[in-house]
């Protein structure tokens, strides 16, 4: 799936709002929120990446959340990625 930066950002905000409600109230999660400040550890980062991979149809490196440490930075990066080969090409 080809998704826009806004769609990816909204997906991440929704996912994190549902999965981290005890750590950070959903209304306090924004595009410039740092994953580390939200309490994402390696396990929760992996869960987020798996959800993104399934939704976008691309494979992601586990380090991507460290290379792009905010929701906005990750969304900008992922919006520039192509869907996996065979996903409609």
N, C-alpha and C. Protein backbone atom coordinates (compact mmCIF):
# COMPACT_ATOMS: atom_id res chain seq x y z
N UNK A 1 0.84 -1.19 0.00
CA UNK A 1 0.00 0.00 0.00
C UNK A 1 0.88 1.24 0.00
N UNK A 2 0.53 2.19 -0.83
CA UNK A 2 1.23 3.47 -0.85
C UNK A 2 0.45 4.40 0.07
N UNK A 3 1.08 4.89 1.11
CA UNK A 3 0.41 5.76 2.07
C UNK A 3 1.11 7.10 2.14
N UNK A 4 0.35 8.13 2.42
CA UNK A 4 0.91 9.47 2.56
C UNK A 4 1.53 9.62 3.95
N UNK A 5 2.33 10.65 4.08
CA UNK A 5 2.92 10.95 5.38
C UNK A 5 1.84 11.13 6.44
N UNK A 6 0.78 11.84 6.11
CA UNK A 6 -0.31 12.08 7.06
C UNK A 6 -1.00 10.78 7.46
N UNK A 7 -1.22 9.88 6.51
CA UNK A 7 -1.86 8.60 6.82
C UNK A 7 -0.98 7.76 7.74
N UNK A 8 0.32 7.75 7.48
CA UNK A 8 1.24 6.98 8.32
C UNK A 8 1.31 7.59 9.71
N UNK A 9 1.39 8.91 9.76
CA UNK A 9 1.42 9.60 11.06
C UNK A 9 0.16 9.27 11.85
N UNK A 10 -1.00 9.36 11.20
CA UNK A 10 -2.26 9.06 11.88
C UNK A 10 -2.33 7.61 12.33
N UNK A 11 -1.83 6.69 11.51
CA UNK A 11 -1.79 5.27 11.88
C UNK A 11 -0.96 5.10 13.16
N UNK A 12 0.22 5.71 13.18
CA UNK A 12 1.09 5.61 14.35
C UNK A 12 0.45 6.24 15.58
N UNK A 13 -0.15 7.41 15.42
CA UNK A 13 -0.81 8.07 16.55
C UNK A 13 -1.95 7.22 17.10
N UNK A 14 -2.74 6.64 16.20
CA UNK A 14 -3.84 5.79 16.62
C UNK A 14 -3.32 4.54 17.33
N UNK A 15 -2.34 3.89 16.72
CA UNK A 15 -1.78 2.67 17.30
C UNK A 15 -1.20 2.95 18.69
N UNK A 16 -0.40 3.98 18.79
CA UNK A 16 0.23 4.30 20.08
C UNK A 16 -0.80 4.76 21.10
N UNK A 17 -1.82 5.46 20.67
CA UNK A 17 -2.89 5.87 21.58
C UNK A 17 -3.63 4.70 22.16
N UNK A 18 -3.75 3.63 21.36
CA UNK A 18 -4.45 2.42 21.83
C UNK A 18 -3.55 1.54 22.68
N UNK A 19 -2.27 1.52 22.39
CA UNK A 19 -1.38 0.57 23.07
C UNK A 19 -0.61 1.17 24.25
N UNK A 20 -0.56 2.48 24.35
CA UNK A 20 0.20 3.11 25.44
C UNK A 20 -0.65 3.98 26.36
N UNK A 21 -1.93 3.68 26.55
CA UNK A 21 -2.77 4.61 27.32
C UNK A 21 -2.34 4.78 28.77
N UNK A 22 -1.71 3.79 29.34
CA UNK A 22 -1.29 3.92 30.74
C UNK A 22 0.01 4.69 30.89
N UNK A 23 0.78 4.77 29.82
CA UNK A 23 2.06 5.46 29.88
C UNK A 23 1.88 6.94 29.57
N UNK A 24 1.20 7.23 28.47
CA UNK A 24 0.99 8.60 28.02
C UNK A 24 -0.47 8.72 27.57
N UNK A 25 -1.20 9.70 28.12
CA UNK A 25 -2.57 9.89 27.64
C UNK A 25 -2.58 10.13 26.13
N UNK A 26 -3.51 9.53 25.39
CA UNK A 26 -3.54 9.67 23.93
C UNK A 26 -3.51 11.11 23.44
N UNK A 27 -4.11 12.02 24.16
CA UNK A 27 -4.12 13.42 23.72
C UNK A 27 -2.75 14.07 23.81
N UNK A 28 -1.83 13.47 24.57
CA UNK A 28 -0.50 14.03 24.70
C UNK A 28 0.49 13.46 23.69
N UNK A 29 0.04 12.55 22.85
CA UNK A 29 0.90 11.96 21.83
C UNK A 29 0.74 12.79 20.56
N UNK A 30 1.84 13.34 20.08
CA UNK A 30 1.81 14.16 18.87
C UNK A 30 2.85 13.72 17.87
N UNK A 31 2.85 14.36 16.72
CA UNK A 31 3.76 13.99 15.64
C UNK A 31 5.23 14.15 16.02
N UNK A 32 5.52 15.06 16.92
CA UNK A 32 6.91 15.26 17.31
C UNK A 32 7.27 14.54 18.61
N UNK A 33 6.37 13.69 19.07
CA UNK A 33 6.66 12.87 20.25
C UNK A 33 7.77 11.88 19.92
N UNK A 34 8.75 11.81 20.82
CA UNK A 34 9.85 10.87 20.64
C UNK A 34 9.42 9.51 21.17
N UNK A 35 9.74 8.47 20.42
CA UNK A 35 9.36 7.12 20.82
C UNK A 35 9.90 6.79 22.21
N UNK A 36 11.13 7.18 22.50
CA UNK A 36 11.71 6.89 23.81
C UNK A 36 10.94 7.59 24.93
N UNK A 37 10.50 8.82 24.69
CA UNK A 37 9.74 9.56 25.70
C UNK A 37 8.36 8.94 25.93
N UNK A 38 7.86 8.23 24.92
CA UNK A 38 6.56 7.57 25.04
C UNK A 38 6.68 6.23 25.79
N UNK A 39 7.91 5.82 26.04
CA UNK A 39 8.11 4.57 26.77
C UNK A 39 8.26 3.35 25.89
N UNK A 40 8.46 3.54 24.58
CA UNK A 40 8.64 2.39 23.70
C UNK A 40 9.99 1.74 23.98
N UNK A 41 9.94 0.45 24.27
CA UNK A 41 11.16 -0.32 24.41
C UNK A 41 11.32 -1.16 23.15
N UNK A 42 12.30 -2.05 23.13
CA UNK A 42 12.52 -2.83 21.92
C UNK A 42 11.32 -3.70 21.57
N UNK A 43 10.66 -4.26 22.56
CA UNK A 43 9.49 -5.13 22.28
C UNK A 43 8.32 -4.32 21.71
N UNK A 44 8.00 -3.19 22.34
CA UNK A 44 6.87 -2.40 21.84
C UNK A 44 7.19 -1.75 20.50
N UNK A 45 8.46 -1.41 20.27
CA UNK A 45 8.86 -0.89 18.97
C UNK A 45 8.68 -1.94 17.89
N UNK A 46 9.03 -3.17 18.23
CA UNK A 46 8.87 -4.27 17.27
C UNK A 46 7.40 -4.48 16.92
N UNK A 47 6.53 -4.40 17.92
CA UNK A 47 5.10 -4.55 17.66
C UNK A 47 4.60 -3.46 16.72
N UNK A 48 5.03 -2.23 16.95
CA UNK A 48 4.65 -1.12 16.06
C UNK A 48 5.14 -1.38 14.65
N UNK A 49 6.39 -1.80 14.52
CA UNK A 49 6.95 -2.04 13.19
C UNK A 49 6.24 -3.18 12.46
N UNK A 50 5.87 -4.23 13.19
CA UNK A 50 5.13 -5.33 12.57
C UNK A 50 3.79 -4.84 12.04
N UNK A 51 3.10 -4.02 12.82
CA UNK A 51 1.82 -3.46 12.37
C UNK A 51 2.02 -2.59 11.12
N UNK A 52 3.07 -1.77 11.12
CA UNK A 52 3.36 -0.93 9.96
C UNK A 52 3.70 -1.77 8.74
N UNK A 53 4.52 -2.80 8.93
CA UNK A 53 4.88 -3.68 7.82
C UNK A 53 3.65 -4.33 7.20
N UNK A 54 2.77 -4.85 8.05
CA UNK A 54 1.54 -5.48 7.56
C UNK A 54 0.67 -4.49 6.80
N UNK A 55 0.52 -3.31 7.35
CA UNK A 55 -0.35 -2.30 6.76
C UNK A 55 0.22 -1.76 5.44
N UNK A 56 1.54 -1.49 5.43
CA UNK A 56 2.15 -0.87 4.26
C UNK A 56 2.64 -1.88 3.22
N UNK A 57 2.83 -3.13 3.63
CA UNK A 57 3.34 -4.13 2.71
C UNK A 57 4.82 -3.97 2.40
N UNK A 58 5.58 -3.46 3.37
CA UNK A 58 7.03 -3.30 3.21
C UNK A 58 7.73 -3.94 4.40
N UNK A 59 9.01 -4.22 4.21
CA UNK A 59 9.81 -4.78 5.29
C UNK A 59 10.63 -3.64 5.90
N UNK A 60 10.66 -3.61 7.23
CA UNK A 60 11.37 -2.54 7.93
C UNK A 60 12.46 -3.10 8.82
N UNK A 61 13.54 -2.36 8.91
CA UNK A 61 14.63 -2.71 9.80
C UNK A 61 14.23 -2.38 11.24
N UNK A 62 14.59 -3.21 12.20
CA UNK A 62 14.26 -2.92 13.60
C UNK A 62 14.86 -1.60 14.09
N UNK A 63 15.91 -1.14 13.45
CA UNK A 63 16.58 0.09 13.87
C UNK A 63 15.87 1.36 13.40
N UNK A 64 14.86 1.22 12.56
CA UNK A 64 14.22 2.39 11.95
C UNK A 64 13.65 3.35 13.00
N UNK A 65 13.15 2.84 14.12
CA UNK A 65 12.60 3.74 15.15
C UNK A 65 13.70 4.50 15.88
N UNK A 66 14.94 4.03 15.79
CA UNK A 66 16.06 4.75 16.39
C UNK A 66 16.65 5.74 15.40
N UNK A 67 16.60 5.40 14.12
CA UNK A 67 17.08 6.30 13.07
C UNK A 67 16.13 7.48 12.86
N UNK A 68 14.84 7.23 13.08
CA UNK A 68 13.79 8.25 12.93
C UNK A 68 13.01 8.26 14.24
N UNK A 69 13.52 8.97 15.26
CA UNK A 69 13.02 8.83 16.63
C UNK A 69 11.71 9.52 16.99
N UNK A 70 11.07 10.19 16.04
CA UNK A 70 9.76 10.78 16.33
C UNK A 70 8.74 10.21 15.35
N UNK A 71 7.48 10.33 15.72
CA UNK A 71 6.40 9.85 14.85
C UNK A 71 6.46 10.57 13.51
N UNK A 72 6.66 11.87 13.53
CA UNK A 72 6.71 12.66 12.30
C UNK A 72 7.88 12.27 11.40
N UNK A 73 9.06 12.08 11.99
CA UNK A 73 10.23 11.70 11.21
C UNK A 73 10.03 10.32 10.58
N UNK A 74 9.50 9.39 11.35
CA UNK A 74 9.25 8.05 10.83
C UNK A 74 8.22 8.10 9.70
N UNK A 75 7.16 8.87 9.87
CA UNK A 75 6.13 8.98 8.84
C UNK A 75 6.70 9.58 7.55
N UNK A 76 7.54 10.61 7.67
CA UNK A 76 8.16 11.22 6.49
C UNK A 76 9.02 10.20 5.75
N UNK A 77 9.82 9.44 6.51
CA UNK A 77 10.67 8.42 5.92
C UNK A 77 9.84 7.35 5.21
N UNK A 78 8.85 6.82 5.91
CA UNK A 78 8.06 5.72 5.36
C UNK A 78 7.23 6.15 4.15
N UNK A 79 6.80 7.40 4.11
CA UNK A 79 6.02 7.89 2.97
C UNK A 79 6.85 7.84 1.68
N UNK A 80 8.17 7.88 1.82
CA UNK A 80 9.05 7.83 0.66
C UNK A 80 9.43 6.42 0.24
N UNK A 81 9.02 5.43 1.01
CA UNK A 81 9.34 4.04 0.70
C UNK A 81 8.33 3.46 -0.29
N UNK A 82 8.79 2.56 -1.13
CA UNK A 82 7.90 1.88 -2.07
C UNK A 82 7.33 0.63 -1.44
N UNK A 83 6.13 0.24 -1.88
CA UNK A 83 5.59 -1.04 -1.40
C UNK A 83 6.52 -2.18 -1.80
N UNK A 84 6.41 -3.27 -1.08
CA UNK A 84 7.22 -4.45 -1.38
C UNK A 84 6.96 -4.94 -2.80
N UNK A 85 7.96 -5.49 -3.42
CA UNK A 85 7.82 -6.04 -4.76
C UNK A 85 6.72 -7.09 -4.77
N UNK A 86 5.89 -7.02 -5.77
CA UNK A 86 4.79 -7.97 -5.88
C UNK A 86 3.52 -7.48 -5.26
N UNK A 87 3.53 -6.30 -4.67
CA UNK A 87 2.34 -5.75 -4.05
C UNK A 87 1.56 -4.91 -5.04
N UNK A 88 1.41 -5.40 -6.24
CA UNK A 88 0.64 -4.68 -7.25
C UNK A 88 1.49 -4.15 -8.37
N UNK A 89 2.81 -4.38 -8.34
CA UNK A 89 3.68 -3.92 -9.42
C UNK A 89 3.70 -4.91 -10.56
